[in-house]
Protein backbone atom coordinates (compact mmCIF):
# COMPACT_ATOMS: atom_id res chain seq x y z
CA UNK A 1 0.01 -0.28 0.43
CA UNK A 2 1.31 3.62 -1.45
CA UNK A 3 -0.04 5.44 2.55
CA UNK A 4 0.41 2.54 4.12
CA UNK A 5 0.02 3.26 7.55
CA UNK A 6 0.91 7.66 7.96
CA UNK A 7 -2.26 9.80 9.07
CA UNK A 8 -3.10 11.98 6.83
CA UNK A 9 -5.80 15.37 7.21
CA UNK A 10 -8.46 16.05 4.69
CA UNK A 11 -9.94 18.81 5.05
CA UNK A 12 -13.61 19.73 3.09
CA UNK A 13 -13.55 15.53 2.80
CA UNK A 14 -17.53 15.34 3.09
CA UNK A 15 -17.92 15.60 -0.27
CA UNK A 16 -16.81 15.74 -3.50
CA UNK A 17 -13.34 16.11 -3.97
CA UNK A 18 -12.10 15.78 -0.60
CA UNK A 19 -14.39 12.64 0.45
CA UNK A 20 -12.40 11.27 -2.89
CA UNK A 21 -9.44 11.74 -1.91
CA UNK A 22 -9.39 10.93 2.18
CA UNK A 23 -11.22 7.12 0.50
CA UNK A 24 -8.25 6.80 -1.99
CA UNK A 25 -5.47 7.28 0.83
CA UNK A 26 -7.45 5.32 3.17
CA UNK A 27 -7.42 2.17 0.53
CA UNK A 28 -3.25 3.41 0.43
CA UNK A 29 -3.47 2.90 3.49
CA UNK A 30 -3.19 5.86 5.18
CA UNK A 31 -5.50 6.52 8.65
CA UNK A 32 -6.83 9.32 7.63
CA UNK A 33 -8.31 12.77 9.60
CA UNK A 34 -11.63 13.48 7.77
CA UNK A 35 -12.62 17.63 8.71
CA UNK A 36 -15.76 18.82 7.01
CA UNK A 37 -17.30 22.66 8.75
CA UNK A 38 -20.22 20.76 9.47
CA UNK A 39 -21.15 17.39 10.38
CA UNK A 40 -21.18 15.48 6.24
CA UNK A 41 -18.23 14.21 7.32
CA UNK A 42 -19.18 12.35 9.72
CA UNK A 43 -20.58 9.13 7.70
CA UNK A 44 -16.88 9.54 5.33
CA UNK A 45 -15.10 8.88 8.55
CA UNK A 46 -17.26 5.68 9.32
CA UNK A 47 -16.82 4.11 5.52
CA UNK A 48 -13.13 4.61 5.44
CA UNK A 49 -12.66 3.48 9.20
CA UNK A 50 -11.25 7.51 9.69
CA UNK A 51 -11.80 10.19 12.43
CA UNK A 52 -13.51 13.21 11.93
CA UNK A 53 -12.42 16.57 13.02
CA UNK A 54 -15.61 19.18 12.54
CA UNK A 55 -13.62 22.94 12.41
CA UNK A 56 -13.59 25.62 10.48
CA UNK A 57 -10.29 25.77 8.35
CA UNK A 58 -10.15 29.79 8.43
CA UNK A 59 -10.25 29.30 12.30
CA UNK A 60 -6.55 29.17 13.80
CA UNK A 61 -8.17 27.74 16.98
CA UNK A 62 -9.73 24.84 14.85
CA UNK A 63 -6.54 24.16 13.23
CA UNK A 64 -4.94 23.86 16.64
CA UNK A 65 -7.65 20.76 17.64
CA UNK A 66 -7.46 19.54 14.01
CA UNK A 67 -3.15 18.83 14.26
CA UNK A 68 -3.57 18.03 17.99
CA UNK A 69 -5.76 14.73 16.75
CA UNK A 70 -3.47 13.81 13.61
CA UNK A 71 -0.81 13.84 16.46
CA UNK A 72 3.27 13.45 16.41
CA UNK A 73 2.97 10.93 13.30
CA UNK A 74 1.20 13.52 11.38
CA UNK A 75 2.41 13.23 7.79
CA UNK A 76 0.47 14.60 5.34
CA UNK A 77 -2.38 18.09 5.16
CA UNK A 78 -4.06 18.20 2.02
CA UNK A 79 -5.28 21.03 1.49
CA UNK A 80 -9.25 20.30 -0.33
CA UNK A 81 -11.79 22.61 1.97
CA UNK A 82 -12.98 26.20 -1.17
CA UNK A 83 -15.70 28.29 -1.44
CA UNK A 84 -16.44 30.85 -4.28
CA UNK A 85 -18.63 32.91 -4.94
CA UNK A 86 -21.30 33.40 -7.34
CA UNK A 87 -20.42 33.43 -11.13
CA UNK A 88 -20.87 37.94 -11.56
CA UNK A 89 -19.59 40.59 -12.63
CA UNK A 90 -16.33 41.72 -10.59
CA UNK A 91 -17.64 44.74 -9.54
CA UNK A 92 -21.35 43.01 -8.27
CA UNK A 93 -18.74 40.79 -5.35
CA UNK A 94 -19.02 42.08 -2.23
CA UNK A 95 -16.61 42.35 0.29
CA UNK A 96 -17.82 39.74 2.27
CA UNK A 97 -17.45 37.94 -0.41
CA UNK A 98 -14.32 38.62 -1.34
CA UNK A 99 -13.42 38.21 2.99
CA UNK A 100 -14.71 34.80 2.68
CA UNK A 101 -13.25 33.12 -0.96
CA UNK A 102 -9.71 34.60 0.13
CA UNK A 103 -10.28 33.18 4.47
CA UNK A 104 -11.51 29.62 3.30
CA UNK A 105 -9.05 29.63 -0.22
CA UNK A 106 -6.01 31.21 0.96
CA UNK A 107 -5.62 32.18 4.74
CA UNK A 108 -6.49 28.08 5.44
CA UNK A 109 -3.33 27.29 3.31
CA UNK A 110 -1.61 30.08 5.32
CA UNK A 111 -3.29 28.33 9.19
CA UNK A 112 -2.46 24.59 7.89
CA UNK A 113 1.16 25.17 7.28
CA UNK A 114 1.65 27.90 11.04
CA UNK A 115 -0.10 24.61 12.97
CA UNK A 116 1.19 21.29 11.14
CA UNK A 117 4.84 22.82 10.30
CA UNK A 118 6.41 22.44 13.42
CA UNK A 119 5.42 18.57 14.06
CA UNK A 120 6.57 17.72 9.86
CA UNK A 121 9.76 18.95 11.32
CA UNK A 122 9.56 17.26 14.63
CA UNK A 123 9.43 13.77 12.89
CA UNK A 124 11.57 14.92 9.81
CA UNK A 125 10.03 16.11 7.13
CA UNK A 126 5.80 15.77 5.70
CA UNK A 127 4.21 17.06 2.86
CA UNK A 128 0.77 19.47 1.95
CA UNK A 129 -0.42 19.10 -1.06
CA UNK A 130 -3.13 22.25 -1.46
CA UNK A 131 -5.79 22.07 -3.74
CA UNK A 132 -5.64 23.96 -6.70
CA UNK A 133 -7.85 24.69 -9.24
CA UNK A 134 -6.99 25.29 -13.49
CA UNK A 135 -8.81 28.76 -12.41
CA UNK A 136 -5.17 29.94 -11.47
CA UNK A 137 -4.14 28.98 -14.59
CA UNK A 138 -6.70 29.90 -17.34
CA UNK A 139 -9.59 31.49 -15.43
CA UNK A 140 -13.23 32.25 -17.09
CA UNK A 141 -15.42 35.19 -16.38
CA UNK A 142 -17.59 36.37 -13.67
CA UNK A 143 -15.16 34.17 -11.63
CA UNK A 144 -12.30 36.97 -10.98
CA UNK A 145 -12.10 36.95 -7.14
CA UNK A 146 -12.33 33.15 -7.06
CA UNK A 147 -9.86 32.25 -9.59
CA UNK A 148 -7.29 35.01 -8.35
CA UNK A 149 -7.74 32.97 -4.92
CA UNK A 150 -6.80 30.62 -6.61
CA UNK A 151 -4.43 32.24 -8.29
CA UNK A 152 -2.63 32.90 -5.15
CA UNK A 153 -2.71 28.97 -4.14
CA UNK A 154 -0.65 27.80 -6.97
CA UNK A 155 2.51 30.80 -6.03
CA UNK A 156 1.69 30.44 -2.48
CA UNK A 157 2.33 26.61 -2.74
CA UNK A 158 5.85 26.75 -5.10
CA UNK A 159 6.91 29.48 -2.42
CA UNK A 160 6.30 27.26 0.76
CA UNK A 161 8.20 24.57 -1.48
CA UNK A 162 10.91 26.72 -1.57
CA UNK A 163 10.92 27.69 1.98
CA UNK A 164 9.96 24.79 3.20
CA UNK A 165 12.62 22.22 1.86
CA UNK A 166 15.31 22.19 4.28
CA UNK A 167 12.79 20.97 6.36
CA UNK A 168 12.16 17.79 3.97
CA UNK A 169 8.75 19.63 3.52
CA UNK A 170 7.41 19.38 0.20
CA UNK A 171 4.27 21.33 -1.15
CA UNK A 172 2.66 20.37 -4.04
CA UNK A 173 -0.67 21.64 -6.35
CA UNK A 174 -3.26 19.96 -7.66
CA UNK A 175 -5.48 21.83 -10.20
CA UNK A 176 -8.98 20.67 -10.84
CA UNK A 177 -10.95 20.94 -14.14
CA UNK A 178 -14.54 21.93 -13.59
CA UNK A 179 -16.83 18.70 -12.27
CA UNK A 180 -20.61 18.60 -11.22
CA UNK A 181 -19.07 16.44 -8.44
CA UNK A 182 -18.30 19.43 -6.73
CA UNK A 183 -20.81 21.65 -3.54
CA UNK A 184 -19.68 24.57 -5.86
CA UNK A 185 -20.32 23.64 -9.29
CA UNK A 186 -24.06 25.64 -9.64
CA UNK A 187 -22.34 28.77 -8.25
CA UNK A 188 -19.24 27.77 -11.21
CA UNK A 189 -22.80 28.35 -13.62
CA UNK A 190 -24.28 31.36 -11.93
CA UNK A 191 -26.57 29.83 -9.69
CA UNK A 192 -28.02 25.81 -11.56
CA UNK A 193 -25.69 24.25 -13.41
CA UNK A 194 -28.40 23.23 -16.01
CA UNK A 195 -27.34 20.72 -18.67
CA UNK A 196 -26.99 23.57 -21.49
CA UNK A 197 -24.15 24.66 -18.02
CA UNK A 198 -22.67 21.31 -18.49
CA UNK A 199 -22.33 21.86 -22.45
CA UNK A 200 -20.26 25.01 -22.21
CA UNK A 201 -17.81 23.31 -20.09
CA UNK A 202 -17.40 20.68 -21.39
CA UNK A 203 -16.81 22.77 -24.72
CA UNK A 204 -13.83 23.86 -23.31
CA UNK A 205 -11.92 20.72 -22.34
CA UNK A 206 -10.02 18.89 -24.71
CA UNK A 207 -10.66 14.91 -23.39
CA UNK A 208 -14.04 16.12 -23.86
CA UNK A 209 -15.10 14.46 -20.04
CA UNK A 210 -15.54 16.46 -16.57
CA UNK A 211 -12.55 15.91 -13.67
CA UNK A 212 -13.68 12.80 -10.96
CA UNK A 213 -13.02 12.67 -7.52
CA UNK A 214 -11.51 10.05 -8.34
CA UNK A 215 -8.96 11.76 -10.71
CA UNK A 216 -8.29 13.85 -8.61
CA UNK A 217 -7.15 11.28 -5.43
CA UNK A 218 -5.07 9.70 -8.09
CA UNK A 219 -3.49 12.91 -8.71
CA UNK A 220 -3.03 13.51 -5.23
CA UNK A 221 -1.97 10.10 -3.76
CA UNK A 222 0.54 10.92 -6.29
CA UNK A 223 2.17 13.09 -4.77
CA UNK A 224 1.57 12.57 -1.33
CA UNK A 225 3.08 9.00 -1.54
CA UNK A 226 7.09 8.28 -1.93
CA UNK A 227 6.98 8.27 -5.83
CA UNK A 228 6.56 11.48 -5.49
CA UNK A 229 9.77 12.09 -3.13
CA UNK A 230 11.66 14.63 -5.22
CA UNK A 231 9.16 16.39 -6.51
CA UNK A 232 8.32 19.48 -5.22
CA UNK A 233 6.56 22.89 -5.67
CA UNK A 234 4.67 21.48 -8.77
CA UNK A 235 1.02 21.93 -9.77
CA UNK A 236 -0.85 19.34 -11.96
CA UNK A 237 -3.95 19.90 -14.08
CA UNK A 238 -6.36 17.16 -14.14
CA UNK A 239 -8.10 18.59 -16.33
CA UNK A 240 -7.76 17.28 -19.56
CA UNK A 241 -5.99 19.65 -21.43
CA UNK A 242 -8.07 22.15 -20.56
CA UNK A 243 -5.10 24.66 -20.06
CA UNK A 244 -2.55 23.71 -22.72
């Protein structure tokens, strides 16, 4: 098994990509700490034999509890939790929406490092896998604040990799393309994920299908595994050539 007995935190793991990552990691032997902001993560934890820690990734105190639950052998943190404003003109995004997008998508990664990095240093290494988005590479109109937050995640991840490398800590990104399997898909589409909206998104993906939780989980698994021991500071686009 590729993650046998490794302790991993997966945020936003109550559904969508996060649930897929938690399930895949557990199947490869990881001991998974399932995090979500509400109780929906409990069923995922039960299914995979993991532990559920409810918490808000934008709050330092909740990260303290999350890392404490993982313990001194924490080896992997997958920052998957994310949020978006609804697809609309840039000037219609409220200040509160802006703040929440950046808190969930960017501040959470800062907090994960603040609280997990000391554990990684003490145990002689570890890795972060940050779930960004193709939006940070090839942005779509109407999602400017969200797009820019994911661009920040990508650059932050690269800089973290350069800074944390001497401590044997790897940091990488996965950039999924649009998926109807996530809770944010309707917001990306402007409020209703109609068949017409799906067709518009699908037309931008050369491979001709959407990304799935398993696609994203497989990329995350590789980056978290020892097979990627020399891989740090990269972004893998799971996008069917959308960003080419």
